[in-house]
C-alpha atoms as a PDB file:
ATOM      1  CA  UNK A   1     -43.226  18.105 -21.779  1.00  0.00           C
ATOM      2  CA  UNK A   2     -46.223  20.439 -21.634  1.00  0.00           C
ATOM      3  CA  UNK A   3     -47.155  21.817 -18.225  1.00  0.00           C
ATOM      4  CA  UNK A   4     -50.669  21.591 -16.998  1.00  0.00           C
ATOM      5  CA  UNK A   5     -52.820  23.329 -14.454  1.00  0.00           C
ATOM      6  CA  UNK A   6     -53.889  21.203 -11.564  1.00  0.00           C
ATOM      7  CA  UNK A   7     -57.586  20.451 -11.317  1.00  0.00           C
ATOM      8  CA  UNK A   8     -59.410  22.847  -9.120  1.00  0.00           C
ATOM      9  CA  UNK A   9     -61.512  20.046  -7.838  1.00  0.00           C
ATOM     10  CA  UNK A  10     -60.685  16.467  -7.144  1.00  0.00           C
ATOM     11  CA  UNK A  11     -62.808  13.340  -6.681  1.00  0.00           C
ATOM     12  CA  UNK A  12     -63.324  12.678  -3.043  1.00  0.00           C
ATOM     13  CA  UNK A  13     -65.668   9.785  -2.929  1.00  0.00           C
ATOM     14  CA  UNK A  14     -68.000   7.552  -4.910  1.00  0.00           C
ATOM     15  CA  UNK A  15     -71.561   6.330  -3.995  1.00  0.00           C
ATOM     16  CA  UNK A  16     -71.509   2.530  -3.984  1.00  0.00           C
ATOM     17  CA  UNK A  17     -75.250   2.103  -3.116  1.00  0.00           C
ATOM     18  CA  UNK A  18     -78.166   2.829  -0.828  1.00  0.00           C
ATOM     19  CA  UNK A  19     -78.142   1.768   2.870  1.00  0.00           C
ATOM     20  CA  UNK A  20     -81.485   1.051   4.428  1.00  0.00           C
ATOM     21  CA  UNK A  21     -84.813   2.788   3.809  1.00  0.00           C
ATOM     22  CA  UNK A  22     -84.061   6.227   5.278  1.00  0.00           C
ATOM     23  CA  UNK A  23     -82.090   7.368   2.206  1.00  0.00           C
ATOM     24  CA  UNK A  24     -78.474   6.951   3.452  1.00  0.00           C
ATOM     25  CA  UNK A  25     -75.802   6.430   0.752  1.00  0.00           C
ATOM     26  CA  UNK A  26     -72.895   4.118   0.980  1.00  0.00           C
ATOM     27  CA  UNK A  27     -69.819   6.194   0.033  1.00  0.00           C
ATOM     28  CA  UNK A  28     -66.303   5.002  -0.634  1.00  0.00           C
ATOM     29  CA  UNK A  29     -64.199   8.048   0.048  1.00  0.00           C
ATOM     30  CA  UNK A  30     -60.620   8.702  -0.988  1.00  0.00           C
ATOM     31  CA  UNK A  31     -58.009   8.817   1.754  1.00  0.00           C
ATOM     32  CA  UNK A  32     -57.881  12.616   1.588  1.00  0.00           C
ATOM     33  CA  UNK A  33     -61.571  12.978   0.863  1.00  0.00           C
ATOM     34  CA  UNK A  34     -62.722  11.673   4.339  1.00  0.00           C
ATOM     35  CA  UNK A  35     -61.934  15.085   5.701  1.00  0.00           C
ATOM     36  CA  UNK A  36     -64.656  16.756   3.651  1.00  0.00           C
ATOM     37  CA  UNK A  37     -67.612  14.659   4.595  1.00  0.00           C
ATOM     38  CA  UNK A  38     -69.311  16.295   7.560  1.00  0.00           C
ATOM     39  CA  UNK A  39     -72.703  17.709   8.299  1.00  0.00           C
ATOM     40  CA  UNK A  40     -73.100  20.953   6.440  1.00  0.00           C
ATOM     41  CA  UNK A  41     -70.255  20.323   3.946  1.00  0.00           C
ATOM     42  CA  UNK A  42     -71.143  21.236   0.338  1.00  0.00           C
ATOM     43  CA  UNK A  43     -69.837  19.044  -2.462  1.00  0.00           C
ATOM     44  CA  UNK A  44     -70.299  18.869  -6.222  1.00  0.00           C
ATOM     45  CA  UNK A  45     -71.971  15.625  -7.283  1.00  0.00           C
ATOM     46  CA  UNK A  46     -71.592  14.243 -10.724  1.00  0.00           C
ATOM     47  CA  UNK A  47     -73.455  11.335 -12.334  1.00  0.00           C
ATOM     48  CA  UNK A  48     -74.001  10.596 -16.007  1.00  0.00           C
ATOM     49  CA  UNK A  49     -72.740  13.983 -17.066  1.00  0.00           C
ATOM     50  CA  UNK A  50     -75.179  15.746 -14.685  1.00  0.00           C
ATOM     51  CA  UNK A  51     -73.592  17.999 -12.059  1.00  0.00           C
ATOM     52  CA  UNK A  52     -75.311  19.304  -8.966  1.00  0.00           C
ATOM     53  CA  UNK A  53     -74.326  20.887  -5.552  1.00  0.00           C
ATOM     54  CA  UNK A  54     -75.336  18.853  -2.555  1.00  0.00           C
ATOM     55  CA  UNK A  55     -75.142  19.491   1.167  1.00  0.00           C
ATOM     56  CA  UNK A  56     -74.281  16.668   3.573  1.00  0.00           C
ATOM     57  CA  UNK A  57     -76.879  16.356   6.398  1.00  0.00           C
ATOM     58  CA  UNK A  58     -75.047  13.680   8.349  1.00  0.00           C
ATOM     59  CA  UNK A  59     -72.034  11.377   7.890  1.00  0.00           C
ATOM     60  CA  UNK A  60     -70.877   8.258   9.869  1.00  0.00           C
ATOM     61  CA  UNK A  61     -68.399   5.578   9.451  1.00  0.00           C
ATOM     62  CA  UNK A  62     -69.598   2.008   8.862  1.00  0.00           C
ATOM     63  CA  UNK A  63     -67.336  -0.973   7.839  1.00  0.00           C
ATOM     64  CA  UNK A  64     -64.760   1.076   6.149  1.00  0.00           C
ATOM     65  CA  UNK A  65     -67.194   3.228   4.287  1.00  0.00           C
ATOM     66  CA  UNK A  66     -69.104   6.421   5.082  1.00  0.00           C
ATOM     67  CA  UNK A  67     -72.788   6.460   5.383  1.00  0.00           C
ATOM     68  CA  UNK A  68     -74.168   9.788   4.152  1.00  0.00           C
ATOM     69  CA  UNK A  69     -77.450  11.571   4.384  1.00  0.00           C
ATOM     70  CA  UNK A  70     -77.859  14.450   1.906  1.00  0.00           C
ATOM     71  CA  UNK A  71     -80.184  17.383   2.566  1.00  0.00           C
ATOM     72  CA  UNK A  72     -83.556  16.767   0.736  1.00  0.00           C
ATOM     73  CA  UNK A  73     -83.016  13.031   0.357  1.00  0.00           C
ATOM     74  CA  UNK A  74     -85.297  11.252   2.878  1.00  0.00           C
ATOM     75  CA  UNK A  75     -85.973   7.747   1.503  1.00  0.00           C
ATOM     76  CA  UNK A  76     -84.260   4.986  -0.457  1.00  0.00           C
ATOM     77  CA  UNK A  77     -86.083   5.865  -3.651  1.00  0.00           C
ATOM     78  CA  UNK A  78     -84.701   9.444  -3.611  1.00  0.00           C
ATOM     79  CA  UNK A  79     -81.293   8.187  -2.691  1.00  0.00           C
ATOM     80  CA  UNK A  80     -81.132   5.630  -5.567  1.00  0.00           C
ATOM     81  CA  UNK A  81     -80.576   8.409  -8.146  1.00  0.00           C
ATOM     82  CA  UNK A  82     -77.115   9.023  -6.550  1.00  0.00           C
ATOM     83  CA  UNK A  83     -75.761   5.498  -6.980  1.00  0.00           C
ATOM     84  CA  UNK A  84     -72.667   5.651  -9.008  1.00  0.00           C
ATOM     85  CA  UNK A  85     -72.174   9.337  -8.453  1.00  0.00           C
ATOM     86  CA  UNK A  86     -68.906  10.891  -7.653  1.00  0.00           C
ATOM     87  CA  UNK A  87     -68.394  13.656  -5.168  1.00  0.00           C
ATOM     88  CA  UNK A  88     -65.815  16.456  -5.861  1.00  0.00           C
ATOM     89  CA  UNK A  89     -64.330  19.064  -3.511  1.00  0.00           C
ATOM     90  CA  UNK A  90     -61.990  21.914  -4.040  1.00  0.00           C
ATOM     91  CA  UNK A  91     -58.392  20.972  -3.893  1.00  0.00           C
ATOM     92  CA  UNK A  92     -57.757  23.554  -1.115  1.00  0.00           C
ATOM     93  CA  UNK A  93     -60.115  21.627   1.176  1.00  0.00           C
ATOM     94  CA  UNK A  94     -58.106  18.494   0.933  1.00  0.00           C
ATOM     95  CA  UNK A  95     -55.320  18.104   3.524  1.00  0.00           C
ATOM     96  CA  UNK A  96     -51.906  16.703   2.530  1.00  0.00           C
ATOM     97  CA  UNK A  97     -49.012  16.039   4.762  1.00  0.00           C
ATOM     98  CA  UNK A  98     -45.413  16.839   3.672  1.00  0.00           C
ATOM     99  CA  UNK A  99     -44.303  14.354   1.042  1.00  0.00           C
ATOM    100  CA  UNK A 100     -47.881  13.401   0.090  1.00  0.00           C
ATOM    101  CA  UNK A 101     -49.313  13.989  -3.370  1.00  0.00           C
ATOM    102  CA  UNK A 102     -52.494  13.556  -5.171  1.00  0.00           C
ATOM    103  CA  UNK A 103     -52.504  10.768  -7.670  1.00  0.00           C
ATOM    104  CA  UNK A 104     -53.663  13.050 -10.506  1.00  0.00           C
ATOM    105  CA  UNK A 105     -50.664  15.187  -9.931  1.00  0.00           C
ATOM    106  CA  UNK A 106     -48.187  12.349 -10.337  1.00  0.00           C
ATOM    107  CA  UNK A 107     -49.764  10.711 -13.463  1.00  0.00           C
ATOM    108  CA  UNK A 108     -48.081  12.136 -16.539  1.00  0.00           C
ATOM    109  CA  UNK A 109     -44.847  13.098 -14.703  1.00  0.00           C
ATOM    110  CA  UNK A 110     -41.651  12.106 -16.432  1.00  0.00           C
ATOM    111  CA  UNK A 111     -39.512   9.650 -14.460  1.00  0.00           C
ATOM    112  CA  UNK A 112     -35.705   9.595 -14.712  1.00  0.00           C
ATOM    113  CA  UNK A 113     -33.070   8.046 -12.604  1.00  0.00           C
ATOM    114  CA  UNK A 114     -30.385   9.781 -10.691  1.00  0.00           C
ATOM    115  CA  UNK A 115     -27.945   9.487 -13.601  1.00  0.00           C
ATOM    116  CA  UNK A 116     -30.543  11.350 -15.744  1.00  0.00           C
ATOM    117  CA  UNK A 117     -31.751   8.497 -17.849  1.00  0.00           C
ATOM    118  CA  UNK A 118     -35.432   8.821 -18.721  1.00  0.00           C
ATOM    119  CA  UNK A 119     -37.359   5.740 -17.531  1.00  0.00           C
ATOM    120  CA  UNK A 120     -40.821   6.656 -18.850  1.00  0.00           C
ATOM    121  CA  UNK A 121     -43.964   8.501 -17.590  1.00  0.00           C
ATOM    122  CA  UNK A 122     -46.162   7.776 -14.712  1.00  0.00           C
ATOM    123  CA  UNK A 123     -49.182   5.968 -16.127  1.00  0.00           C
ATOM    124  CA  UNK A 124     -51.053   5.417 -12.868  1.00  0.00           C
ATOM    125  CA  UNK A 125     -50.649   5.123  -9.045  1.00  0.00           C
ATOM    126  CA  UNK A 126     -51.675   1.960  -7.381  1.00  0.00           C
ATOM    127  CA  UNK A 127     -52.204   1.604  -3.714  1.00  0.00           C
ATOM    128  CA  UNK A 128     -50.985  -1.336  -1.643  1.00  0.00           C
ATOM    129  CA  UNK A 129     -50.729  -1.910   2.099  1.00  0.00           C
ATOM    130  CA  UNK A 130     -46.851  -1.653   2.108  1.00  0.00           C
ATOM    131  CA  UNK A 131     -46.588   1.410  -0.083  1.00  0.00           C
ATOM    132  CA  UNK A 132     -48.107   3.239  -3.066  1.00  0.00           C
ATOM    133  CA  UNK A 133     -46.645   2.297  -6.393  1.00  0.00           C
ATOM    134  CA  UNK A 134     -45.968   4.362  -9.528  1.00  0.00           C
ATOM    135  CA  UNK A 135     -46.791   2.510 -12.635  1.00  0.00           C
ATOM    136  CA  UNK A 136     -44.116   3.299 -15.277  1.00  0.00           C
ATOM    137  CA  UNK A 137     -43.798   1.307 -18.510  1.00  0.00           C
ATOM    138  CA  UNK A 138     -45.492  -1.700 -16.933  1.00  0.00           C
ATOM    139  CA  UNK A 139     -43.138  -1.653 -13.863  1.00  0.00           C
ATOM    140  CA  UNK A 140     -44.225  -0.868 -10.261  1.00  0.00           C
ATOM    141  CA  UNK A 141     -41.966   1.626  -8.527  1.00  0.00           C
ATOM    142  CA  UNK A 142     -42.572   1.877  -4.743  1.00  0.00           C
ATOM    143  CA  UNK A 143     -43.147   5.422  -3.540  1.00  0.00           C
ATOM    144  CA  UNK A 144     -40.589   5.099  -0.725  1.00  0.00           C
ATOM    145  CA  UNK A 145     -37.766   7.470   0.157  1.00  0.00           C
ATOM    146  CA  UNK A 146     -35.027   4.966  -0.607  1.00  0.00           C
ATOM    147  CA  UNK A 147     -36.163   4.958  -4.252  1.00  0.00           C
ATOM    148  CA  UNK A 148     -38.164   8.137  -5.015  1.00  0.00           C
ATOM    149  CA  UNK A 149     -35.478  10.859  -4.403  1.00  0.00           C
ATOM    150  CA  UNK A 150     -37.379  13.954  -5.617  1.00  0.00           C
ATOM    151  CA  UNK A 151     -40.831  14.862  -6.901  1.00  0.00           C
ATOM    152  CA  UNK A 152     -40.919  18.266  -8.731  1.00  0.00           C
ATOM    153  CA  UNK A 153     -44.446  18.935  -9.711  1.00  0.00           C
ATOM    154  CA  UNK A 154     -43.719  22.220 -11.275  1.00  0.00           C
ATOM    155  CA  UNK A 155     -41.309  20.571 -13.741  1.00  0.00           C
ATOM    156  CA  UNK A 156     -43.574  17.439 -13.893  1.00  0.00           C
ATOM    157  CA  UNK A 157     -40.519  15.251 -13.077  1.00  0.00           C
ATOM    158  CA  UNK A 158     -39.859  12.530 -10.587  1.00  0.00           C
ATOM    159  CA  UNK A 159     -36.229  11.417  -9.876  1.00  0.00           C
ATOM    160  CA  UNK A 160     -35.688   7.790  -8.744  1.00  0.00           C
ATOM    161  CA  UNK A 161     -32.732   5.716  -7.588  1.00  0.00           C
ATOM    162  CA  UNK A 162     -33.964   2.118  -8.486  1.00  0.00           C
ATOM    163  CA  UNK A 163     -32.248  -0.870  -6.993  1.00  0.00           C
ATOM    164  CA  UNK A 164     -30.785  -3.251  -9.462  1.00  0.00           C
ATOM    165  CA  UNK A 165     -33.443  -5.356 -11.249  1.00  0.00           C
ATOM    166  CA  UNK A 166     -36.386  -3.148 -10.349  1.00  0.00           C
ATOM    167  CA  UNK A 167     -36.937  -1.924 -13.944  1.00  0.00           C
ATOM    168  CA  UNK A 168     -35.754  -5.038 -15.772  1.00  0.00           C
END
């Protein structure tokens, strides 16, 4: 399997709409991305192929989302152009705890069981309240220590010990 270089930037949030008349944006941040939204933070903003640097003037939590004010955006009309935009931040700015991984690093990894049998490739990562799930060949594999025994991003390989019936 060909190795790849991790993306230098990762998506940290998406603008879902405008909030009020003062130009605030409703942002759905990624879990890791919440850490980069603060007054003064610079982010790359991409919408419809156009990329610009923006600076956050203010950020506050509201009903599970963040409400953002960007420098230079003072009303709902000016904010409207950001709806649908995705914010990006440098990978080095995003905190991960031990045993945590970015979805984009897991997608494409080969999955094999503890006996060495190849089980497929991670197609996606889905997030559920009980645990994150690797999607491999149409099957959901819980990202829990009892099943996922090793994640080797350098070799692009994940070793699992699936219980009977999980991959049937």
